[in-house]
Amino acid sequence: MMFLGFNVQGALQESARACEQDVFLRAFGNTAEQLQEEYGPYDDQSVWLTVSDDDGLVLGSCRIITPGPAGLKTLNDVARAPWGIDGPRSARAAGADLEATWDIATLGVREAHRGSRVRVALALYHGILRAGRANGIRTLTAIFDEPARRVLAALDYRHVALPGTYAAPYLGSESSTPVYYHATMLDAARRENPEAYRLIIQGVGLDGVFIPDDASFVLPAAVPAAPGRTVAA
């Protein structure tokens, strides 16, 4: 049995950080020191989403950066080479409300558990959208490695490049794109691929993964949900 957890603390959060380090070292050569340099400034705004096993080992983790003084990493990083643009301005041009935007900073599945990687990854994507809905989040941003972006696009879960950006090398990835995803895009996903919608958005078919109730996804002082403008439905 696997367990989806949101805003995990204590030993589970430490296991999530270890998962992040393991995955990003293997995939992109990012050392623990590099990860701390890149993501440490956002620790106070980071929320961890995990899929863990019966022993509390995190099999897959996602670091979500919420709005705060440090800003959102994606929107800060696009100011650097090669993009060199004003991230908040780009996001606003795309229609984002930055107070109701989360940044999907890291997401990965441990190498030792790649046999179930699809199920773990789908559970994490479901958790992101479930938590977004519970907290009134209207937009997600991320810098996605292109292979991962193509997998999601094949499920009709399409992220759009932030205005002024394009695929380019980023933190060890040969090709990554700064993207956004609005809640309103879910209507198209529902029409174009209802089976994928039920799986990713509604969690129907995530056998072997325990998914907690809606209340478990609510953060303290969450942004009130706006009818028709939430990330998941």
C-alpha atoms as a PDB file:
ATOM      1  CA  MET A   1       0.000   0.000   0.000  1.00  0.00           C
ATOM      2  CA  MET A   2       1.144   3.554  -0.771  1.00  0.00           C
ATOM      3  CA  PHE A   3       0.014   6.747   0.900  1.00  0.00           C
ATOM      4  CA  LEU A   4      -0.443  10.227  -0.550  1.00  0.00           C
ATOM      5  CA  GLY A   5       0.449  12.933   1.959  1.00  0.00           C
ATOM      6  CA  PHE A   6       0.284  16.731   1.795  1.00  0.00           C
ATOM      7  CA  ASN A   7       2.164  19.290   3.888  1.00  0.00           C
ATOM      8  CA  VAL A   8       4.066  16.441   5.531  1.00  0.00           C
ATOM      9  CA  GLN A   9       6.266  17.173   8.549  1.00  0.00           C
ATOM     10  CA  GLY A  10       8.964  15.501  10.635  1.00  0.00           C
ATOM     11  CA  ALA A  11      10.473  12.229   9.466  1.00  0.00           C
ATOM     12  CA  LEU A  12       8.269  12.124   6.366  1.00  0.00           C
ATOM     13  CA  GLN A  13       9.490  15.546   5.269  1.00  0.00           C
ATOM     14  CA  GLU A  14      13.098  14.494   5.822  1.00  0.00           C
ATOM     15  CA  SER A  15      12.468  11.433   3.666  1.00  0.00           C
ATOM     16  CA  ALA A  16      10.941  13.732   1.024  1.00  0.00           C
ATOM     17  CA  ARG A  17      14.085  15.881   1.000  1.00  0.00           C
ATOM     18  CA  ALA A  18      16.232  12.752   0.694  1.00  0.00           C
ATOM     19  CA  CYS A  19      14.054  11.617  -2.223  1.00  0.00           C
ATOM     20  CA  GLU A  20      14.498  14.994  -3.916  1.00  0.00           C
ATOM     21  CA  GLN A  21      18.274  14.769  -3.517  1.00  0.00           C
ATOM     22  CA  ASP A  22      18.433  11.186  -4.806  1.00  0.00           C
ATOM     23  CA  VAL A  23      16.266  11.842  -7.853  1.00  0.00           C
ATOM     24  CA  PHE A  24      17.883  15.099  -8.920  1.00  0.00           C
ATOM     25  CA  LEU A  25      21.419  13.819  -8.423  1.00  0.00           C
ATOM     26  CA  ARG A  26      20.692  10.805 -10.639  1.00  0.00           C
ATOM     27  CA  ALA A  27      18.694  12.684 -13.268  1.00  0.00           C
ATOM     28  CA  PHE A  28      20.552  15.972 -13.550  1.00  0.00           C
ATOM     29  CA  GLY A  29      23.722  15.711 -11.463  1.00  0.00           C
ATOM     30  CA  ASN A  30      22.430  18.217  -8.892  1.00  0.00           C
ATOM     31  CA  THR A  31      24.357  17.841  -5.616  1.00  0.00           C
ATOM     32  CA  ALA A  32      22.844  18.382  -2.179  1.00  0.00           C
ATOM     33  CA  GLU A  33      24.819  21.633  -1.966  1.00  0.00           C
ATOM     34  CA  GLN A  34      23.419  22.834  -5.289  1.00  0.00           C
ATOM     35  CA  LEU A  35      19.868  21.963  -4.257  1.00  0.00           C
ATOM     36  CA  GLN A  36      20.320  23.883  -1.017  1.00  0.00           C
ATOM     37  CA  GLU A  37      21.664  26.895  -2.923  1.00  0.00           C
ATOM     38  CA  GLU A  38      18.784  26.793  -5.408  1.00  0.00           C
ATOM     39  CA  TYR A  39      15.853  25.877  -3.155  1.00  0.00           C
ATOM     40  CA  GLY A  40      17.011  26.750   0.370  1.00  0.00           C
ATOM     41  CA  PRO A  41      15.850  30.381   0.059  1.00  0.00           C
ATOM     42  CA  TYR A  42      12.312  29.043  -0.488  1.00  0.00           C
ATOM     43  CA  ASP A  43      12.219  26.611   2.451  1.00  0.00           C
ATOM     44  CA  ASP A  44       9.880  28.794   4.505  1.00  0.00           C
ATOM     45  CA  GLN A  45       7.415  28.806   1.596  1.00  0.00           C
ATOM     46  CA  SER A  46       7.811  25.152   0.643  1.00  0.00           C
ATOM     47  CA  VAL A  47       5.093  22.530   1.154  1.00  0.00           C
ATOM     48  CA  TRP A  48       5.888  18.861   0.574  1.00  0.00           C
ATOM     49  CA  LEU A  49       3.625  16.409  -1.214  1.00  0.00           C
ATOM     50  CA  THR A  50       4.652  12.757  -0.961  1.00  0.00           C
ATOM     51  CA  VAL A  51       3.831   9.206  -1.903  1.00  0.00           C
ATOM     52  CA  SER A  52       5.241   6.895   0.771  1.00  0.00           C
ATOM     53  CA  ASP A  53       5.182   3.188   1.588  1.00  0.00           C
ATOM     54  CA  ASP A  54       4.138   1.306   4.732  1.00  0.00           C
ATOM     55  CA  ASP A  55       7.543   1.952   6.309  1.00  0.00           C
ATOM     56  CA  GLY A  56       7.368   5.713   5.801  1.00  0.00           C
ATOM     57  CA  LEU A  57       9.899   5.740   2.966  1.00  0.00           C
ATOM     58  CA  VAL A  58       9.031   8.438   0.431  1.00  0.00           C
ATOM     59  CA  LEU A  59       8.884   6.905  -3.048  1.00  0.00           C
ATOM     60  CA  GLY A  60       8.042  10.146  -4.827  1.00  0.00           C
ATOM     61  CA  SER A  61       8.037  13.757  -3.716  1.00  0.00           C
ATOM     62  CA  CYS A  62       7.005  17.191  -4.909  1.00  0.00           C
ATOM     63  CA  ARG A  63       8.177  20.511  -3.498  1.00  0.00           C
ATOM     64  CA  ILE A  64       5.494  23.178  -3.905  1.00  0.00           C
ATOM     65  CA  ILE A  65       6.515  26.799  -3.357  1.00  0.00           C
ATOM     66  CA  THR A  66       3.679  28.987  -2.129  1.00  0.00           C
ATOM     67  CA  PRO A  67       3.456  32.802  -2.433  1.00  0.00           C
ATOM     68  CA  GLY A  68       5.688  34.685  -0.005  1.00  0.00           C
ATOM     69  CA  PRO A  69       8.561  37.163   0.420  1.00  0.00           C
ATOM     70  CA  ALA A  70      11.019  35.105  -1.644  1.00  0.00           C
ATOM     71  CA  GLY A  71       8.621  34.986  -4.589  1.00  0.00           C
ATOM     72  CA  LEU A  72       8.131  31.941  -6.815  1.00  0.00           C
ATOM     73  CA  LYS A  73      11.287  30.234  -8.058  1.00  0.00           C
ATOM     74  CA  THR A  74      10.149  29.816 -11.658  1.00  0.00           C
ATOM     75  CA  LEU A  75       9.333  33.503 -11.952  1.00  0.00           C
ATOM     76  CA  ASN A  76      12.635  34.461 -10.333  1.00  0.00           C
ATOM     77  CA  ASP A  77      14.729  32.076 -12.427  1.00  0.00           C
ATOM     78  CA  VAL A  78      13.426  33.233 -15.805  1.00  0.00           C
ATOM     79  CA  ALA A  79      15.176  36.536 -15.106  1.00  0.00           C
ATOM     80  CA  ARG A  80      18.457  34.624 -15.503  1.00  0.00           C
ATOM     81  CA  ALA A  81      20.060  33.421 -18.733  1.00  0.00           C
ATOM     82  CA  PRO A  82      18.946  32.238 -21.195  1.00  0.00           C
ATOM     83  CA  TRP A  83      15.501  33.814 -20.836  1.00  0.00           C
ATOM     84  CA  GLY A  84      16.251  37.153 -19.181  1.00  0.00           C
ATOM     85  CA  ILE A  85      12.654  38.268 -18.736  1.00  0.00           C
ATOM     86  CA  ASP A  86      10.550  39.779 -15.957  1.00  0.00           C
ATOM     87  CA  GLY A  87       8.911  36.662 -14.499  1.00  0.00           C
ATOM     88  CA  PRO A  88       6.028  38.251 -12.565  1.00  0.00           C
ATOM     89  CA  ARG A  89       5.206  40.456 -15.551  1.00  0.00           C
ATOM     90  CA  SER A  90       5.231  37.427 -17.864  1.00  0.00           C
ATOM     91  CA  ALA A  91       2.952  35.480 -15.528  1.00  0.00           C
ATOM     92  CA  ARG A  92       0.520  38.373 -15.244  1.00  0.00           C
ATOM     93  CA  ALA A  93       0.506  38.705 -19.034  1.00  0.00           C
ATOM     94  CA  ALA A  94      -0.523  35.043 -19.134  1.00  0.00           C
ATOM     95  CA  GLY A  95      -3.426  35.817 -16.803  1.00  0.00           C
ATOM     96  CA  ALA A  96      -1.999  34.624 -13.468  1.00  0.00           C
ATOM     97  CA  ASP A  97      -2.994  36.067 -10.119  1.00  0.00           C
ATOM     98  CA  LEU A  98       0.304  35.728  -8.241  1.00  0.00           C
ATOM     99  CA  GLU A  99      -1.446  35.559  -4.865  1.00  0.00           C
ATOM    100  CA  ALA A 100      -3.295  32.454  -6.079  1.00  0.00           C
ATOM    101  CA  THR A 101      -0.345  30.787  -7.850  1.00  0.00           C
ATOM    102  CA  TRP A 102       1.812  27.864  -6.727  1.00  0.00           C
ATOM    103  CA  ASP A 103       5.200  26.924  -8.148  1.00  0.00           C
ATOM    104  CA  ILE A 104       5.861  23.218  -8.725  1.00  0.00           C
ATOM    105  CA  ALA A 105       9.566  23.442  -7.943  1.00  0.00           C
ATOM    106  CA  THR A 106      10.638  19.772  -7.945  1.00  0.00           C
ATOM    107  CA  LEU A 107       8.916  16.465  -8.599  1.00  0.00           C
ATOM    108  CA  GLY A 108      10.476  13.029  -8.877  1.00  0.00           C
ATOM    109  CA  VAL A 109      10.296   9.309  -8.156  1.00  0.00           C
ATOM    110  CA  ARG A 110      13.103   7.297  -6.559  1.00  0.00           C
ATOM    111  CA  GLU A 111      15.159   5.123  -8.916  1.00  0.00           C
ATOM    112  CA  ALA A 112      14.635   2.042  -6.733  1.00  0.00           C
ATOM    113  CA  HIS A 113      10.889   2.298  -7.265  1.00  0.00           C
ATOM    114  CA  ARG A 114      10.741   2.910 -11.000  1.00  0.00           C
ATOM    115  CA  GLY A 115       8.644  -0.226 -11.420  1.00  0.00           C
ATOM    116  CA  SER A 116       5.732   1.745  -9.992  1.00  0.00           C
ATOM    117  CA  ARG A 117       6.903   5.166 -11.164  1.00  0.00           C
ATOM    118  CA  VAL A 118       3.873   5.847 -13.350  1.00  0.00           C
ATOM    119  CA  ARG A 119       1.447   5.210 -10.503  1.00  0.00           C
ATOM    120  CA  VAL A 120       3.558   7.254  -8.067  1.00  0.00           C
ATOM    121  CA  ALA A 121       3.865  10.140 -10.530  1.00  0.00           C
ATOM    122  CA  LEU A 122       0.142  10.124 -11.321  1.00  0.00           C
ATOM    123  CA  ALA A 123      -0.642  10.147  -7.592  1.00  0.00           C
ATOM    124  CA  LEU A 124       1.618  13.184  -7.154  1.00  0.00           C
ATOM    125  CA  TYR A 125      -0.055  15.014 -10.053  1.00  0.00           C
ATOM    126  CA  HIS A 126      -3.436  14.182  -8.565  1.00  0.00           C
ATOM    127  CA  GLY A 127      -2.263  15.499  -5.199  1.00  0.00           C
ATOM    128  CA  ILE A 128      -1.098  18.774  -6.723  1.00  0.00           C
ATOM    129  CA  LEU A 129      -4.479  19.396  -8.308  1.00  0.00           C
ATOM    130  CA  ARG A 130      -6.416  18.171  -5.278  1.00  0.00           C
ATOM    131  CA  ALA A 131      -4.451  20.505  -3.001  1.00  0.00           C
ATOM    132  CA  GLY A 132      -4.825  23.358  -5.454  1.00  0.00           C
ATOM    133  CA  ARG A 133      -8.579  22.980  -5.412  1.00  0.00           C
ATOM    134  CA  ALA A 134      -8.659  22.812  -1.616  1.00  0.00           C
ATOM    135  CA  ASN A 135      -6.669  26.049  -1.321  1.00  0.00           C
ATOM    136  CA  GLY A 136      -8.232  28.140  -4.075  1.00  0.00           C
ATOM    137  CA  ILE A 137      -5.162  28.075  -6.309  1.00  0.00           C
ATOM    138  CA  ARG A 138      -5.864  29.261  -9.854  1.00  0.00           C
ATOM    139  CA  THR A 139      -2.493  28.873 -11.592  1.00  0.00           C
ATOM    140  CA  LEU A 140       0.536  26.582 -11.407  1.00  0.00           C
ATOM    141  CA  THR A 141       3.993  27.509 -12.660  1.00  0.00           C
ATOM    142  CA  ALA A 142       7.030  25.277 -13.151  1.00  0.00           C
ATOM    143  CA  ILE A 143      10.170  24.789 -15.200  1.00  0.00           C
ATOM    144  CA  PHE A 144       9.498  21.365 -16.719  1.00  0.00           C
ATOM    145  CA  ASP A 145      12.043  19.010 -18.215  1.00  0.00           C
ATOM    146  CA  GLU A 146      10.753  18.460 -21.757  1.00  0.00           C
ATOM    147  CA  PRO A 147      10.341  14.637 -21.543  1.00  0.00           C
ATOM    148  CA  ALA A 148       8.072  15.051 -18.487  1.00  0.00           C
ATOM    149  CA  ARG A 149       6.141  17.794 -20.234  1.00  0.00           C
ATOM    150  CA  ARG A 150       5.552  15.535 -23.248  1.00  0.00           C
ATOM    151  CA  VAL A 151       4.217  12.735 -21.045  1.00  0.00           C
ATOM    152  CA  LEU A 152       1.655  15.079 -19.508  1.00  0.00           C
ATOM    153  CA  ALA A 153       0.755  16.487 -22.921  1.00  0.00           C
ATOM    154  CA  ALA A 154       0.032  12.951 -24.121  1.00  0.00           C
ATOM    155  CA  LEU A 155      -2.609  12.807 -21.382  1.00  0.00           C
ATOM    156  CA  ASP A 156      -4.033  16.145 -22.608  1.00  0.00           C
ATOM    157  CA  TYR A 157      -2.680  17.883 -19.507  1.00  0.00           C
ATOM    158  CA  ARG A 158      -0.855  20.597 -21.462  1.00  0.00           C
ATOM    159  CA  HIS A 159       1.280  23.268 -19.843  1.00  0.00           C
ATOM    160  CA  VAL A 160       1.860  26.472 -21.819  1.00  0.00           C
ATOM    161  CA  ALA A 161       5.214  28.240 -22.095  1.00  0.00           C
ATOM    162  CA  LEU A 162       5.352  31.493 -20.144  1.00  0.00           C
ATOM    163  CA  PRO A 163       5.376  34.474 -22.541  1.00  0.00           C
ATOM    164  CA  GLY A 164       8.937  35.214 -23.626  1.00  0.00           C
ATOM    165  CA  THR A 165      10.326  31.764 -22.749  1.00  0.00           C
ATOM    166  CA  TYR A 166      11.260  28.604 -24.657  1.00  0.00           C
ATOM    167  CA  ALA A 167      12.966  25.240 -24.129  1.00  0.00           C
ATOM    168  CA  ALA A 168      16.578  25.630 -22.973  1.00  0.00           C
ATOM    169  CA  PRO A 169      19.169  23.982 -20.674  1.00  0.00           C
ATOM    170  CA  TYR A 170      18.382  24.463 -16.966  1.00  0.00           C
ATOM    171  CA  LEU A 171      20.098  23.120 -13.839  1.00  0.00           C
ATOM    172  CA  GLY A 172      21.443  20.005 -15.546  1.00  0.00           C
ATOM    173  CA  SER A 173      18.439  19.402 -17.774  1.00  0.00           C
ATOM    174  CA  GLU A 174      19.278  19.505 -21.472  1.00  0.00           C
ATOM    175  CA  SER A 175      15.914  21.050 -22.307  1.00  0.00           C
ATOM    176  CA  SER A 176      13.393  22.595 -19.903  1.00  0.00           C
ATOM    177  CA  THR A 177      10.582  25.069 -20.451  1.00  0.00           C
ATOM    178  CA  PRO A 178       9.080  27.592 -17.985  1.00  0.00           C
ATOM    179  CA  VAL A 179       5.337  26.913 -18.089  1.00  0.00           C
ATOM    180  CA  TYR A 180       2.001  27.772 -16.536  1.00  0.00           C
ATOM    181  CA  TYR A 181      -1.301  25.961 -16.151  1.00  0.00           C
ATOM    182  CA  HIS A 182      -4.599  27.683 -15.388  1.00  0.00           C
ATOM    183  CA  ALA A 183      -7.590  26.087 -13.695  1.00  0.00           C
ATOM    184  CA  THR A 184      -9.714  27.034 -16.682  1.00  0.00           C
ATOM    185  CA  MET A 185      -7.662  24.655 -18.863  1.00  0.00           C
ATOM    186  CA  LEU A 186      -9.208  21.690 -17.058  1.00  0.00           C
ATOM    187  CA  ASP A 187     -12.407  21.999 -19.073  1.00  0.00           C
ATOM    188  CA  ALA A 188     -10.486  21.189 -22.258  1.00  0.00           C
ATOM    189  CA  ALA A 189      -8.793  18.224 -20.565  1.00  0.00           C
ATOM    190  CA  ARG A 190     -12.171  16.882 -19.483  1.00  0.00           C
ATOM    191  CA  ARG A 191     -13.498  17.046 -23.059  1.00  0.00           C
ATOM    192  CA  GLU A 192     -10.421  15.788 -24.888  1.00  0.00           C
ATOM    193  CA  ASN A 193      -9.420  12.890 -22.647  1.00  0.00           C
ATOM    194  CA  PRO A 194     -12.076  11.984 -20.089  1.00  0.00           C
ATOM    195  CA  GLU A 195     -10.233   8.841 -18.973  1.00  0.00           C
ATOM    196  CA  ALA A 196      -7.036  10.765 -18.172  1.00  0.00           C
ATOM    197  CA  TYR A 197      -9.160  13.443 -16.494  1.00  0.00           C
ATOM    198  CA  ARG A 198     -10.752  10.875 -14.205  1.00  0.00           C
ATOM    199  CA  LEU A 199      -7.344   9.401 -13.385  1.00  0.00           C
ATOM    200  CA  ILE A 200      -5.252  12.535 -12.818  1.00  0.00           C
ATOM    201  CA  ILE A 201      -7.858  15.058 -11.738  1.00  0.00           C
ATOM    202  CA  GLN A 202     -10.327  12.863  -9.885  1.00  0.00           C
ATOM    203  CA  GLY A 203      -7.987  10.064  -8.793  1.00  0.00           C
ATOM    204  CA  VAL A 204     -10.239   7.331 -10.195  1.00  0.00           C
ATOM    205  CA  GLY A 205      -8.103   4.249 -10.830  1.00  0.00           C
ATOM    206  CA  LEU A 206      -5.168   5.060  -8.539  1.00  0.00           C
ATOM    207  CA  ASP A 207      -5.378   1.574  -7.070  1.00  0.00           C
ATOM    208  CA  GLY A 208      -3.047   0.804  -4.198  1.00  0.00           C
ATOM    209  CA  VAL A 209      -2.688   4.457  -3.199  1.00  0.00           C
ATOM    210  CA  PHE A 210      -4.498   5.746  -0.118  1.00  0.00           C
ATOM    211  CA  ILE A 211      -5.747   9.282  -0.802  1.00  0.00           C
ATOM    212  CA  PRO A 212      -6.902  11.337   2.206  1.00  0.00           C
ATOM    213  CA  ASP A 213     -10.051  13.445   2.314  1.00  0.00           C
ATOM    214  CA  ASP A 214     -10.286  17.044   1.101  1.00  0.00           C
ATOM    215  CA  ALA A 215      -9.684  18.519   4.564  1.00  0.00           C
ATOM    216  CA  SER A 216      -6.203  16.961   4.612  1.00  0.00           C
ATOM    217  CA  PHE A 217      -5.169  19.124   1.661  1.00  0.00           C
ATOM    218  CA  VAL A 218      -6.071  22.495   3.214  1.00  0.00           C
ATOM    219  CA  LEU A 219      -3.185  24.708   4.330  1.00  0.00           C
ATOM    220  CA  PRO A 220      -3.529  27.090   7.278  1.00  0.00           C
ATOM    221  CA  ALA A 221      -4.816  30.489   6.118  1.00  0.00           C
ATOM    222  CA  ALA A 222      -5.570  29.080   2.664  1.00  0.00           C
ATOM    223  CA  VAL A 223      -6.777  31.376  -0.094  1.00  0.00           C
ATOM    224  CA  PRO A 224     -10.610  31.054  -0.254  1.00  0.00           C
ATOM    225  CA  ALA A 225     -11.736  29.056  -3.254  1.00  0.00           C
ATOM    226  CA  ALA A 226     -13.387  30.984  -6.067  1.00  0.00           C
ATOM    227  CA  PRO A 227     -16.203  29.045  -7.789  1.00  0.00           C
ATOM    228  CA  GLY A 228     -15.214  28.022 -11.299  1.00  0.00           C
ATOM    229  CA  ARG A 229     -11.627  29.192 -10.921  1.00  0.00           C
ATOM    230  CA  THR A 230     -10.000  26.421  -8.902  1.00  0.00           C
ATOM    231  CA  VAL A 231      -7.218  24.112 -10.074  1.00  0.00           C
ATOM    232  CA  ALA A 232      -9.153  20.861  -9.761  1.00  0.00           C
ATOM    233  CA  ALA A 233     -12.776  19.902  -9.935  1.00  0.00           C
END
